[in-house]
Amino acid sequence: MKWIITLLTLSIINICSAQRVFMTDNQFNCTHKVYISNNRFEADWVIYYTNSQVEAEDNKGRWFVTGDRFKADYDIFITDNRYIADKLVFITTNKFEVKMGN
């Protein structure tokens, strides 16, 4: 019985720490409004897109884009106006350069 509780707890922790994102068109119903920057040094977050949900788990900044809003940890609206953005984001091709704070 004790190992079942431990297994369930570990499963919940992994689900909660995953970086699944849903790209939304609604700027008023999103977790974050982001502006994609070409300058990594001004970015609040450095993000790596991955095609593997497993790779995104436990790796802040490695985003797996899902089409299901209800399975996502973040609803992201991408804006062309940097002044309304909550976060400036730089997209990297190196998964070891990711940086994602609060």
N, C-alpha and C. Protein backbone atom coordinates (compact mmCIF):
# COMPACT_ATOMS: atom_id res chain seq x y z
N MET A 1 0.83 -1.20 0.00
CA MET A 1 0.00 0.00 0.00
C MET A 1 0.87 1.25 0.00
N LYS A 2 1.95 1.21 0.77
CA LYS A 2 2.83 2.37 0.87
C LYS A 2 3.47 2.70 -0.47
N TRP A 3 3.85 1.69 -1.24
CA TRP A 3 4.50 1.94 -2.53
C TRP A 3 3.53 2.49 -3.54
N ILE A 4 2.23 2.17 -3.43
CA ILE A 4 1.21 2.73 -4.33
C ILE A 4 1.08 4.22 -4.09
N ILE A 5 1.05 4.65 -2.84
CA ILE A 5 0.97 6.07 -2.50
C ILE A 5 2.20 6.81 -3.01
N THR A 6 3.37 6.20 -2.84
CA THR A 6 4.61 6.82 -3.32
C THR A 6 4.58 6.96 -4.83
N LEU A 7 4.12 5.94 -5.55
CA LEU A 7 4.05 5.97 -7.00
C LEU A 7 3.07 7.04 -7.48
N LEU A 8 1.92 7.14 -6.84
CA LEU A 8 0.94 8.17 -7.19
C LEU A 8 1.48 9.57 -6.94
N THR A 9 2.18 9.76 -5.83
CA THR A 9 2.77 11.06 -5.51
C THR A 9 3.80 11.46 -6.55
N LEU A 10 4.66 10.54 -6.94
CA LEU A 10 5.67 10.83 -7.96
C LEU A 10 5.02 11.16 -9.30
N SER A 11 3.94 10.48 -9.64
CA SER A 11 3.23 10.76 -10.89
C SER A 11 2.64 12.16 -10.87
N ILE A 12 2.06 12.55 -9.77
CA ILE A 12 1.47 13.89 -9.66
C ILE A 12 2.55 14.95 -9.75
N ILE A 13 3.68 14.75 -9.10
CA ILE A 13 4.77 15.72 -9.15
C ILE A 13 5.26 15.89 -10.59
N ASN A 14 5.43 14.79 -11.33
CA ASN A 14 5.87 14.87 -12.71
C ASN A 14 4.86 15.60 -13.59
N ILE A 15 3.59 15.36 -13.39
CA ILE A 15 2.56 16.03 -14.18
C ILE A 15 2.58 17.53 -13.90
N CYS A 16 2.72 17.92 -12.66
CA CYS A 16 2.67 19.33 -12.29
C CYS A 16 3.91 20.10 -12.76
N SER A 17 5.02 19.43 -12.94
CA SER A 17 6.23 20.15 -13.31
C SER A 17 6.48 20.14 -14.81
N ALA A 18 5.61 19.52 -15.58
CA ALA A 18 5.79 19.48 -17.02
C ALA A 18 5.60 20.88 -17.61
N GLN A 19 6.18 21.07 -18.78
CA GLN A 19 6.10 22.35 -19.46
C GLN A 19 5.27 22.20 -20.73
N ARG A 20 4.01 21.86 -20.57
CA ARG A 20 3.10 21.75 -21.71
C ARG A 20 2.44 23.11 -21.91
N VAL A 21 2.48 23.61 -23.14
CA VAL A 21 1.90 24.92 -23.42
C VAL A 21 0.86 24.82 -24.52
N PHE A 22 -0.13 25.68 -24.41
CA PHE A 22 -1.19 25.80 -25.40
C PHE A 22 -1.11 27.21 -25.96
N MET A 23 -1.01 27.33 -27.27
CA MET A 23 -0.95 28.64 -27.91
C MET A 23 -2.38 29.11 -28.17
N THR A 24 -2.75 30.23 -27.57
CA THR A 24 -4.10 30.74 -27.69
C THR A 24 -4.13 32.04 -28.50
N ASP A 25 -5.28 32.32 -29.08
CA ASP A 25 -5.49 33.57 -29.82
C ASP A 25 -6.17 34.62 -28.94
N ASN A 26 -6.49 34.27 -27.70
CA ASN A 26 -7.22 35.16 -26.81
C ASN A 26 -6.25 35.78 -25.79
N GLN A 27 -5.93 37.05 -25.97
CA GLN A 27 -4.98 37.70 -25.06
C GLN A 27 -5.58 37.99 -23.69
N PHE A 28 -6.89 37.91 -23.56
CA PHE A 28 -7.52 38.21 -22.28
C PHE A 28 -7.76 36.96 -21.43
N ASN A 29 -7.53 35.81 -22.02
CA ASN A 29 -7.70 34.56 -21.28
C ASN A 29 -6.46 33.69 -21.50
N CYS A 30 -5.33 34.16 -20.97
CA CYS A 30 -4.07 33.43 -21.13
C CYS A 30 -3.26 33.54 -19.85
N THR A 31 -2.32 32.65 -19.70
CA THR A 31 -1.43 32.68 -18.55
C THR A 31 -0.39 33.76 -18.72
N HIS A 32 0.20 33.85 -19.94
CA HIS A 32 1.23 34.84 -20.23
C HIS A 32 1.08 35.38 -21.64
N LYS A 33 1.31 36.68 -21.77
CA LYS A 33 1.45 37.32 -23.08
C LYS A 33 2.94 37.45 -23.33
N VAL A 34 3.42 36.88 -24.43
CA VAL A 34 4.85 36.90 -24.69
C VAL A 34 5.15 37.58 -26.02
N TYR A 35 6.30 38.22 -26.04
CA TYR A 35 6.84 38.83 -27.25
C TYR A 35 8.11 38.07 -27.59
N ILE A 36 8.22 37.61 -28.83
CA ILE A 36 9.39 36.86 -29.27
C ILE A 36 10.46 37.86 -29.68
N SER A 37 11.59 37.81 -29.00
CA SER A 37 12.71 38.73 -29.23
C SER A 37 13.80 38.02 -30.01
N ASN A 38 14.54 38.79 -30.79
CA ASN A 38 15.70 38.26 -31.51
C ASN A 38 16.97 38.39 -30.68
N ASN A 39 16.87 39.03 -29.52
CA ASN A 39 18.03 39.27 -28.66
C ASN A 39 17.90 38.44 -27.38
N ARG A 40 18.72 37.43 -27.26
CA ARG A 40 18.62 36.54 -26.09
C ARG A 40 19.00 37.24 -24.79
N PHE A 41 19.78 38.31 -24.88
CA PHE A 41 20.26 38.99 -23.67
C PHE A 41 19.21 39.89 -23.04
N GLU A 42 18.17 40.27 -23.79
CA GLU A 42 17.09 41.08 -23.22
C GLU A 42 15.91 40.21 -22.80
N ALA A 43 15.98 38.91 -23.10
CA ALA A 43 14.86 38.01 -22.84
C ALA A 43 14.72 37.67 -21.37
N ASP A 44 13.47 37.61 -20.91
CA ASP A 44 13.16 37.12 -19.57
C ASP A 44 13.27 35.59 -19.54
N TRP A 45 12.82 34.99 -20.63
CA TRP A 45 12.84 33.54 -20.75
C TRP A 45 13.57 33.15 -22.02
N VAL A 46 14.38 32.10 -21.95
CA VAL A 46 14.99 31.48 -23.13
C VAL A 46 14.34 30.11 -23.24
N ILE A 47 13.61 29.89 -24.33
CA ILE A 47 12.75 28.71 -24.49
C ILE A 47 13.25 27.82 -25.61
N TYR A 48 13.14 26.53 -25.38
CA TYR A 48 13.44 25.53 -26.40
C TYR A 48 12.16 24.74 -26.65
N TYR A 49 11.72 24.70 -27.90
CA TYR A 49 10.56 23.89 -28.26
C TYR A 49 11.00 22.45 -28.48
N THR A 50 10.27 21.52 -27.91
CA THR A 50 10.56 20.10 -28.09
C THR A 50 9.34 19.38 -28.62
N ASN A 51 9.58 18.34 -29.37
CA ASN A 51 8.49 17.49 -29.89
C ASN A 51 8.17 16.35 -28.94
N SER A 52 8.91 16.27 -27.84
CA SER A 52 8.76 15.18 -26.89
C SER A 52 8.20 15.69 -25.57
N GLN A 53 7.02 15.22 -25.21
CA GLN A 53 6.43 15.61 -23.93
C GLN A 53 7.28 15.10 -22.77
N VAL A 54 7.90 13.95 -22.94
CA VAL A 54 8.76 13.39 -21.89
C VAL A 54 9.96 14.29 -21.65
N GLU A 55 10.55 14.83 -22.71
CA GLU A 55 11.69 15.73 -22.57
C GLU A 55 11.30 17.03 -21.87
N ALA A 56 10.07 17.45 -22.05
CA ALA A 56 9.61 18.69 -21.44
C ALA A 56 9.37 18.55 -19.94
N GLU A 57 9.10 17.35 -19.48
CA GLU A 57 8.83 17.14 -18.05
C GLU A 57 10.08 17.43 -17.23
N ASP A 58 9.89 18.13 -16.14
CA ASP A 58 10.96 18.48 -15.20
C ASP A 58 12.03 19.39 -15.80
N ASN A 59 11.77 19.98 -16.94
CA ASN A 59 12.75 20.85 -17.58
C ASN A 59 12.11 22.20 -17.88
N LYS A 60 12.21 23.10 -16.93
CA LYS A 60 11.67 24.44 -17.14
C LYS A 60 12.35 25.07 -18.34
N GLY A 61 11.55 25.59 -19.23
CA GLY A 61 12.09 26.23 -20.42
C GLY A 61 12.07 25.35 -21.64
N ARG A 62 11.82 24.06 -21.45
CA ARG A 62 11.64 23.16 -22.59
C ARG A 62 10.14 22.97 -22.76
N TRP A 63 9.61 23.55 -23.81
CA TRP A 63 8.17 23.57 -24.00
C TRP A 63 7.72 22.55 -25.02
N PHE A 64 6.70 21.82 -24.63
CA PHE A 64 5.98 20.92 -25.53
C PHE A 64 4.64 21.58 -25.83
N VAL A 65 4.38 21.88 -27.09
CA VAL A 65 3.13 22.55 -27.47
C VAL A 65 2.06 21.50 -27.67
N THR A 66 0.95 21.68 -26.96
CA THR A 66 -0.18 20.76 -27.05
C THR A 66 -1.37 21.49 -27.66
N GLY A 67 -2.20 20.74 -28.33
CA GLY A 67 -3.42 21.30 -28.90
C GLY A 67 -4.59 21.24 -27.94
N ASP A 68 -4.38 20.68 -26.76
CA ASP A 68 -5.43 20.53 -25.76
C ASP A 68 -5.21 21.51 -24.61
N ARG A 69 -6.00 22.54 -24.56
CA ARG A 69 -5.87 23.59 -23.54
C ARG A 69 -5.96 23.02 -22.12
N PHE A 70 -6.75 21.97 -21.94
CA PHE A 70 -6.98 21.43 -20.60
C PHE A 70 -5.82 20.56 -20.10
N LYS A 71 -4.91 20.19 -20.98
CA LYS A 71 -3.73 19.44 -20.58
C LYS A 71 -2.51 20.35 -20.44
N ALA A 72 -2.67 21.62 -20.74
CA ALA A 72 -1.55 22.55 -20.75
C ALA A 72 -1.29 23.13 -19.36
N ASP A 73 -0.02 23.43 -19.09
CA ASP A 73 0.36 24.11 -17.86
C ASP A 73 0.29 25.62 -18.04
N TYR A 74 0.50 26.08 -19.27
CA TYR A 74 0.46 27.51 -19.59
C TYR A 74 -0.36 27.73 -20.85
N ASP A 75 -1.16 28.79 -20.85
CA ASP A 75 -1.81 29.28 -22.07
C ASP A 75 -1.02 30.49 -22.51
N ILE A 76 -0.42 30.42 -23.69
CA ILE A 76 0.48 31.46 -24.16
C ILE A 76 -0.15 32.22 -25.32
N PHE A 77 -0.15 33.54 -25.21
CA PHE A 77 -0.56 34.41 -26.30
C PHE A 77 0.69 35.13 -26.80
N ILE A 78 0.99 34.98 -28.08
CA ILE A 78 2.15 35.65 -28.66
C ILE A 78 1.69 36.96 -29.29
N THR A 79 2.32 38.05 -28.85
CA THR A 79 1.94 39.37 -29.32
C THR A 79 3.06 39.99 -30.16
N ASP A 80 2.66 40.87 -31.07
CA ASP A 80 3.63 41.63 -31.86
C ASP A 80 4.01 42.93 -31.17
N ASN A 81 3.32 43.25 -30.07
CA ASN A 81 3.55 44.49 -29.34
C ASN A 81 4.30 44.17 -28.04
N ARG A 82 5.57 44.48 -28.01
CA ARG A 82 6.39 44.14 -26.84
C ARG A 82 5.95 44.86 -25.57
N TYR A 83 5.22 45.96 -25.70
CA TYR A 83 4.84 46.76 -24.53
C TYR A 83 3.64 46.19 -23.78
N ILE A 84 2.90 45.30 -24.39
CA ILE A 84 1.80 44.65 -23.66
C ILE A 84 2.20 43.27 -23.17
N ALA A 85 3.40 42.84 -23.52
CA ALA A 85 3.86 41.49 -23.15
C ALA A 85 4.23 41.41 -21.67
N ASP A 86 3.92 40.27 -21.07
CA ASP A 86 4.35 39.98 -19.70
C ASP A 86 5.82 39.55 -19.69
N LYS A 87 6.22 38.83 -20.74
CA LYS A 87 7.57 38.28 -20.82
C LYS A 87 8.14 38.47 -22.21
N LEU A 88 9.44 38.78 -22.26
CA LEU A 88 10.18 38.77 -23.51
C LEU A 88 10.82 37.40 -23.63
N VAL A 89 10.64 36.74 -24.77
CA VAL A 89 11.07 35.36 -24.95
C VAL A 89 12.02 35.26 -26.14
N PHE A 90 13.09 34.52 -25.94
CA PHE A 90 14.00 34.19 -27.02
C PHE A 90 13.90 32.69 -27.24
N ILE A 91 13.72 32.28 -28.49
CA ILE A 91 13.63 30.86 -28.83
C ILE A 91 15.03 30.37 -29.20
N THR A 92 15.52 29.38 -28.49
CA THR A 92 16.85 28.84 -28.74
C THR A 92 16.77 27.49 -29.44
N THR A 93 17.84 27.15 -30.12
CA THR A 93 17.93 25.83 -30.75
C THR A 93 18.79 24.88 -29.90
N ASN A 94 19.31 25.41 -28.79
CA ASN A 94 20.15 24.61 -27.88
C ASN A 94 19.37 24.37 -26.59
N LYS A 95 18.97 23.15 -26.35
CA LYS A 95 18.12 22.85 -25.19
C LYS A 95 18.82 23.05 -23.85
N PHE A 96 20.14 23.22 -23.86
CA PHE A 96 20.86 23.42 -22.61
C PHE A 96 21.02 24.90 -22.26
N GLU A 97 20.53 25.80 -23.10
CA GLU A 97 20.59 27.25 -22.85
C GLU A 97 19.32 27.81 -22.23
N VAL A 98 18.36 26.97 -21.93
CA VAL A 98 17.06 27.46 -21.48
C VAL A 98 17.18 28.22 -20.16
N LYS A 99 16.30 29.20 -20.03
CA LYS A 99 16.23 30.00 -18.80
C LYS A 99 14.79 30.41 -18.63
N MET A 100 14.21 30.03 -17.51
CA MET A 100 12.82 30.39 -17.26
C MET A 100 12.65 30.64 -15.78
N GLY A 101 12.51 31.90 -15.44
CA GLY A 101 12.30 32.28 -14.04
C GLY A 101 10.81 32.33 -13.74
N ASN A 102 10.44 33.26 -12.92
CA ASN A 102 9.02 33.41 -12.54
C ASN A 102 8.17 33.95 -13.64
